[in-house]
Amino acid sequence: MDDYDALDGDSALCVPLADTAQRLAVLTLEEAHDLLALLVAVAQEGGSMSVRAERLAREIAARIPSEN
């Protein structure tokens, strides 16, 4: 699937914050558009995370160029 298949989800939750911050990569433009599409889909579902997803989608959309 991706490079993260071998990660144990439980152990990943225990990574110290300082170490995690160093491993966070900047998203490519394509990844940012994919994330934006996912957030818009979650926002449209109307579930418990829809308000957060909509807010994050607006923030990301304001920061990245359009796909067109």
Protein backbone atom coordinates (compact mmCIF):
# COMPACT_ATOMS: atom_id res chain seq x y z
CA MET A 1 0.00 0.00 0.00
CA ASP A 2 2.51 2.65 1.17
CA ASP A 3 5.76 2.96 3.14
CA TYR A 4 3.88 2.83 6.45
CA ASP A 5 2.40 -0.68 6.14
CA ALA A 6 4.92 -2.19 8.55
CA LEU A 7 4.27 0.35 11.34
CA ASP A 8 2.56 -0.85 14.48
CA GLY A 9 -0.20 1.64 15.23
CA ASP A 10 0.09 1.22 18.99
CA SER A 11 3.81 1.91 19.06
CA ALA A 12 3.39 4.90 16.74
CA LEU A 13 1.16 6.54 19.34
CA CYS A 14 4.01 6.44 21.86
CA VAL A 15 6.56 8.38 19.80
CA PRO A 16 7.80 11.43 21.72
CA LEU A 17 6.55 14.71 20.26
CA ALA A 18 10.04 16.08 19.65
CA ASP A 19 10.94 13.05 17.51
CA THR A 20 7.63 13.22 15.64
CA ALA A 21 8.08 16.88 14.71
CA GLN A 22 11.42 16.12 13.07
CA ARG A 23 9.83 13.39 10.92
CA LEU A 24 6.93 15.44 9.60
CA ALA A 25 7.46 16.16 5.93
CA VAL A 26 6.08 19.02 3.91
CA LEU A 27 3.24 17.86 1.71
CA THR A 28 3.67 17.92 -2.03
CA LEU A 29 1.09 19.93 -3.92
CA GLU A 30 -0.56 16.71 -5.09
CA GLU A 31 -0.73 15.42 -1.50
CA ALA A 32 -2.21 18.72 -0.34
CA HIS A 33 -4.94 18.48 -2.99
CA ASP A 34 -5.63 14.86 -1.98
CA LEU A 35 -5.90 15.89 1.67
CA LEU A 36 -8.17 18.77 0.73
CA ALA A 37 -10.46 16.42 -1.22
CA LEU A 38 -10.60 14.04 1.75
CA LEU A 39 -11.42 16.84 4.18
CA VAL A 40 -14.17 18.15 1.89
CA ALA A 41 -15.66 14.64 1.69
CA VAL A 42 -15.62 14.29 5.48
CA ALA A 43 -17.14 17.75 5.88
CA GLN A 44 -19.97 16.86 3.52
CA GLU A 45 -20.79 13.68 5.47
CA GLY A 46 -22.18 15.77 8.31
CA GLY A 47 -20.73 13.53 11.04
CA SER A 48 -19.05 14.49 14.29
CA MET A 49 -15.85 15.56 12.49
CA SER A 50 -17.53 17.58 9.74
CA VAL A 51 -17.07 20.98 11.39
CA ARG A 52 -13.35 20.37 11.99
CA ALA A 53 -12.89 18.96 8.49
CA GLU A 54 -14.60 21.98 6.94
CA ARG A 55 -12.43 24.40 8.90
CA LEU A 56 -9.24 22.57 7.95
CA ALA A 57 -10.35 22.34 4.31
CA ARG A 58 -10.84 26.11 4.21
CA GLU A 59 -7.41 26.68 5.78
CA ILE A 60 -5.66 24.38 3.32
CA ALA A 61 -7.56 25.74 0.31
CA ALA A 62 -6.45 29.25 1.23
CA ARG A 63 -2.80 28.18 1.28
CA ILE A 64 -2.42 26.11 -1.88
CA PRO A 65 -2.89 26.99 -5.56
CA SER A 66 -5.93 25.52 -7.27
CA GLU A 67 -5.56 22.37 -9.36
CA ASN A 68 -6.66 24.17 -12.52
